[in-house]
């Protein structure tokens, strides 16, 4: 699972994360609250540029 395109939709109290691979297949689709964003990043194994 290699995310080549990453999108983020910012809202007041939550984020919608969306990632696709080089073929356009969805490999990440997640809604997280601002409070849980740091915790999610630690366990999602996302690259440092996230």
PDB file of N, CA and C in Angstrom:
ATOM      1  N   UNK A   1       0.849  -1.179   0.000  1.00  0.00           N
ATOM      2  CA  UNK A   1       0.000   0.000   0.000  1.00  0.00           C
ATOM      3  C   UNK A   1       0.891   1.237   0.000  1.00  0.00           C
ATOM      4  N   UNK A   2       1.024   1.870  -1.137  1.00  0.00           N
ATOM      5  CA  UNK A   2       1.803   3.090  -1.258  1.00  0.00           C
ATOM      6  C   UNK A   2       0.878   4.207  -1.696  1.00  0.00           C
ATOM      7  N   UNK A   3       0.717   5.190  -0.859  1.00  0.00           N
ATOM      8  CA  UNK A   3      -0.127   6.339  -1.175  1.00  0.00           C
ATOM      9  C   UNK A   3       0.678   7.284  -2.055  1.00  0.00           C
ATOM     10  N   UNK A   4       0.163   7.564  -3.254  1.00  0.00           N
ATOM     11  CA  UNK A   4       0.846   8.498  -4.142  1.00  0.00           C
ATOM     12  C   UNK A   4       0.163   9.854  -4.173  1.00  0.00           C
ATOM     13  N   UNK A   5      -1.134   9.892  -3.882  1.00  0.00           N
ATOM     14  CA  UNK A   5      -1.878  11.140  -3.796  1.00  0.00           C
ATOM     15  C   UNK A   5      -2.656  11.138  -2.495  1.00  0.00           C
ATOM     16  N   UNK A   6      -2.506  12.213  -1.739  1.00  0.00           N
ATOM     17  CA  UNK A   6      -3.106  12.297  -0.418  1.00  0.00           C
ATOM     18  C   UNK A   6      -3.940  13.562  -0.349  1.00  0.00           C
ATOM     19  N   UNK A   7      -5.180  13.432   0.123  1.00  0.00           N
ATOM     20  CA  UNK A   7      -6.049  14.583   0.269  1.00  0.00           C
ATOM     21  C   UNK A   7      -6.538  14.699   1.688  1.00  0.00           C
ATOM     22  N   UNK A   8      -6.776  15.937   2.109  1.00  0.00           N
ATOM     23  CA  UNK A   8      -7.303  16.171   3.450  1.00  0.00           C
ATOM     24  C   UNK A   8      -8.369  17.254   3.367  1.00  0.00           C
ATOM     25  N   UNK A   9      -9.498  16.969   3.988  1.00  0.00           N
ATOM     26  CA  UNK A   9     -10.600  17.920   4.049  1.00  0.00           C
ATOM     27  C   UNK A   9     -10.687  18.409   5.483  1.00  0.00           C
ATOM     28  N   UNK A  10     -10.396  19.685   5.686  1.00  0.00           N
ATOM     29  CA  UNK A  10     -10.377  20.254   7.027  1.00  0.00           C
ATOM     30  C   UNK A  10     -11.757  20.778   7.403  1.00  0.00           C
ATOM     31  N   UNK A  11     -12.200  20.393   8.562  1.00  0.00           N
ATOM     32  CA  UNK A  11     -13.444  20.923   9.113  1.00  0.00           C
ATOM     33  C   UNK A  11     -13.130  21.493  10.490  1.00  0.00           C
ATOM     34  N   UNK A  12     -14.130  22.054  11.127  1.00  0.00           N
ATOM     35  CA  UNK A  12     -13.899  22.705  12.405  1.00  0.00           C
ATOM     36  C   UNK A  12     -13.424  21.733  13.484  1.00  0.00           C
ATOM     37  N   UNK A  13     -14.001  20.543  13.532  1.00  0.00           N
ATOM     38  CA  UNK A  13     -13.631  19.617  14.603  1.00  0.00           C
ATOM     39  C   UNK A  13     -13.186  18.244  14.112  1.00  0.00           C
ATOM     40  N   UNK A  14     -13.054  18.066  12.785  1.00  0.00           N
ATOM     41  CA  UNK A  14     -12.631  16.762  12.269  1.00  0.00           C
ATOM     42  C   UNK A  14     -11.894  16.919  10.946  1.00  0.00           C
ATOM     43  N   UNK A  15     -11.235  15.846  10.545  1.00  0.00           N
ATOM     44  CA  UNK A  15     -10.532  15.784   9.269  1.00  0.00           C
ATOM     45  C   UNK A  15     -11.027  14.579   8.498  1.00  0.00           C
ATOM     46  N   UNK A  16     -11.115  14.694   7.191  1.00  0.00           N
ATOM     47  CA  UNK A  16     -11.353  13.540   6.327  1.00  0.00           C
ATOM     48  C   UNK A  16     -10.074  13.324   5.538  1.00  0.00           C
ATOM     49  N   UNK A  17      -9.506  12.127   5.671  1.00  0.00           N
ATOM     50  CA  UNK A  17      -8.263  11.783   4.990  1.00  0.00           C
ATOM     51  C   UNK A  17      -8.571  10.834   3.844  1.00  0.00           C
ATOM     52  N   UNK A  18      -7.914  11.050   2.702  1.00  0.00           N
ATOM     53  CA  UNK A  18      -8.171  10.236   1.516  1.00  0.00           C
ATOM     54  C   UNK A  18      -6.854  10.039   0.781  1.00  0.00           C
ATOM     55  N   UNK A  19      -6.508   8.784   0.516  1.00  0.00           N
ATOM     56  CA  UNK A  19      -5.273   8.499  -0.204  1.00  0.00           C
ATOM     57  C   UNK A  19      -5.511   7.483  -1.301  1.00  0.00           C
ATOM     58  N   UNK A  20      -4.850   7.676  -2.438  1.00  0.00           N
ATOM     59  CA  UNK A  20      -4.964   6.738  -3.553  1.00  0.00           C
ATOM     60  C   UNK A  20      -3.571   6.317  -3.996  1.00  0.00           C
ATOM     61  N   UNK A  21      -3.493   5.124  -4.612  1.00  0.00           N
ATOM     62  CA  UNK A  21      -2.213   4.646  -5.130  1.00  0.00           C
ATOM     63  C   UNK A  21      -2.025   5.118  -6.568  1.00  0.00           C
ATOM     64  N   UNK A  22      -0.954   4.689  -7.200  1.00  0.00           N
ATOM     65  CA  UNK A  22      -0.631   5.160  -8.558  1.00  0.00           C
ATOM     66  C   UNK A  22      -1.669   4.762  -9.599  1.00  0.00           C
ATOM     67  N   UNK A  23      -2.460   3.712  -9.312  1.00  0.00           N
ATOM     68  CA  UNK A  23      -3.504   3.267 -10.239  1.00  0.00           C
ATOM     69  C   UNK A  23      -4.862   3.914  -9.964  1.00  0.00           C
ATOM     70  N   UNK A  24      -4.935   4.761  -8.956  1.00  0.00           N
ATOM     71  CA  UNK A  24      -6.187   5.435  -8.621  1.00  0.00           C
ATOM     72  C   UNK A  24      -7.077   4.661  -7.666  1.00  0.00           C
ATOM     73  N   UNK A  25      -6.564   3.566  -7.106  1.00  0.00           N
ATOM     74  CA  UNK A  25      -7.329   2.787  -6.141  1.00  0.00           C
ATOM     75  C   UNK A  25      -7.252   3.441  -4.765  1.00  0.00           C
ATOM     76  N   UNK A  26      -8.384   3.512  -4.084  1.00  0.00           N
ATOM     77  CA  UNK A  26      -8.422   4.099  -2.748  1.00  0.00           C
ATOM     78  C   UNK A  26      -7.722   3.158  -1.771  1.00  0.00           C
ATOM     79  N   UNK A  27      -6.710   3.675  -1.083  1.00  0.00           N
ATOM     80  CA  UNK A  27      -5.992   2.873  -0.092  1.00  0.00           C
ATOM     81  C   UNK A  27      -6.131   3.447   1.318  1.00  0.00           C
ATOM     82  N   UNK A  28      -6.676   4.652   1.427  1.00  0.00           N
ATOM     83  CA  UNK A  28      -6.885   5.271   2.727  1.00  0.00           C
ATOM     84  C   UNK A  28      -8.138   6.123   2.665  1.00  0.00           C
ATOM     85  N   UNK A  29      -9.050   5.881   3.580  1.00  0.00           N
ATOM     86  CA  UNK A  29     -10.258   6.685   3.688  1.00  0.00           C
ATOM     87  C   UNK A  29     -10.651   6.681   5.154  1.00  0.00           C
ATOM     88  N   UNK A  30     -10.447   7.806   5.825  1.00  0.00           N
ATOM     89  CA  UNK A  30     -10.612   7.838   7.266  1.00  0.00           C
ATOM     90  C   UNK A  30     -11.089   9.208   7.721  1.00  0.00           C
ATOM     91  N   UNK A  31     -11.986   9.219   8.669  1.00  0.00           N
ATOM     92  CA  UNK A  31     -12.409  10.450   9.330  1.00  0.00           C
ATOM     93  C   UNK A  31     -11.865  10.418  10.751  1.00  0.00           C
ATOM     94  N   UNK A  32     -11.194  11.479  11.143  1.00  0.00           N
ATOM     95  CA  UNK A  32     -10.658  11.565  12.495  1.00  0.00           C
ATOM     96  C   UNK A  32     -10.974  12.932  13.080  1.00  0.00           C
ATOM     97  N   UNK A  33     -11.104  12.981  14.391  1.00  0.00           N
ATOM     98  CA  UNK A  33     -11.330  14.255  15.060  1.00  0.00           C
ATOM     99  C   UNK A  33      -9.991  14.942  15.284  1.00  0.00           C
ATOM    100  N   UNK A  34     -10.030  16.234  15.516  1.00  0.00           N
ATOM    101  CA  UNK A  34      -8.788  16.959  15.792  1.00  0.00           C
ATOM    102  C   UNK A  34      -8.086  16.372  17.014  1.00  0.00           C
ATOM    103  N   UNK A  35      -8.854  15.973  17.983  1.00  0.00           N
ATOM    104  CA  UNK A  35      -8.292  15.427  19.216  1.00  0.00           C
ATOM    105  C   UNK A  35      -7.508  14.135  18.948  1.00  0.00           C
ATOM    106  N   UNK A  36      -7.973  13.308  18.006  1.00  0.00           N
ATOM    107  CA  UNK A  36      -7.347  12.022  17.734  1.00  0.00           C
ATOM    108  C   UNK A  36      -6.361  12.037  16.572  1.00  0.00           C
ATOM    109  N   UNK A  37      -6.111  13.175  15.965  1.00  0.00           N
ATOM    110  CA  UNK A  37      -5.255  13.241  14.781  1.00  0.00           C
ATOM    111  C   UNK A  37      -3.828  12.782  15.080  1.00  0.00           C
ATOM    112  N   UNK A  38      -3.234  13.245  16.147  1.00  0.00           N
ATOM    113  CA  UNK A  38      -1.866  12.862  16.491  1.00  0.00           C
ATOM    114  C   UNK A  38      -1.804  11.370  16.798  1.00  0.00           C
ATOM    115  N   UNK A  39      -2.764  10.866  17.531  1.00  0.00           N
ATOM    116  CA  UNK A  39      -2.797   9.444  17.864  1.00  0.00           C
ATOM    117  C   UNK A  39      -2.936   8.616  16.588  1.00  0.00           C
ATOM    118  N   UNK A  40      -3.797   9.015  15.656  1.00  0.00           N
ATOM    119  CA  UNK A  40      -3.991   8.274  14.412  1.00  0.00           C
ATOM    120  C   UNK A  40      -2.701   8.227  13.603  1.00  0.00           C
ATOM    121  N   UNK A  41      -1.994   9.338  13.506  1.00  0.00           N
ATOM    122  CA  UNK A  41      -0.769   9.389  12.716  1.00  0.00           C
ATOM    123  C   UNK A  41       0.277   8.426  13.266  1.00  0.00           C
ATOM    124  N   UNK A  42       0.347   8.287  14.570  1.00  0.00           N
ATOM    125  CA  UNK A  42       1.344   7.411  15.176  1.00  0.00           C
ATOM    126  C   UNK A  42       1.103   5.947  14.814  1.00  0.00           C
ATOM    127  N   UNK A  43      -0.146   5.546  14.643  1.00  0.00           N
ATOM    128  CA  UNK A  43      -0.463   4.140  14.399  1.00  0.00           C
ATOM    129  C   UNK A  43      -0.796   3.820  12.953  1.00  0.00           C
ATOM    130  N   UNK A  44      -0.911   4.823  12.104  1.00  0.00           N
ATOM    131  CA  UNK A  44      -1.289   4.596  10.714  1.00  0.00           C
ATOM    132  C   UNK A  44      -0.090   4.288   9.828  1.00  0.00           C
ATOM    133  N   UNK A  45       1.125   4.464  10.335  1.00  0.00           N
ATOM    134  CA  UNK A  45       2.350   4.232   9.567  1.00  0.00           C
ATOM    135  C   UNK A  45       2.385   5.103   8.312  1.00  0.00           C
ATOM    136  N   UNK A  46       1.968   6.351   8.476  1.00  0.00           N
ATOM    137  CA  UNK A  46       2.019   7.287   7.360  1.00  0.00           C
ATOM    138  C   UNK A  46       3.435   7.856   7.260  1.00  0.00           C
ATOM    139  N   UNK A  47       3.852   8.237   6.070  1.00  0.00           N
ATOM    140  CA  UNK A  47       5.196   8.802   5.911  1.00  0.00           C
ATOM    141  C   UNK A  47       5.323  10.145   6.629  1.00  0.00           C
ATOM    142  N   UNK A  48       6.541  10.591   6.827  1.00  0.00           N
ATOM    143  CA  UNK A  48       6.792  11.817   7.576  1.00  0.00           C
ATOM    144  C   UNK A  48       6.207  13.063   6.944  1.00  0.00           C
ATOM    145  N   UNK A  49       5.993  13.067   5.632  1.00  0.00           N
ATOM    146  CA  UNK A  49       5.470  14.263   4.979  1.00  0.00           C
ATOM    147  C   UNK A  49       4.018  14.515   5.311  1.00  0.00           C
ATOM    148  N   UNK A  50       3.318  13.574   5.914  1.00  0.00           N
ATOM    149  CA  UNK A  50       1.909  13.748   6.263  1.00  0.00           C
ATOM    150  C   UNK A  50       1.737  14.809   7.289  1.00  0.00           C
TER     151      UNK A  50
END
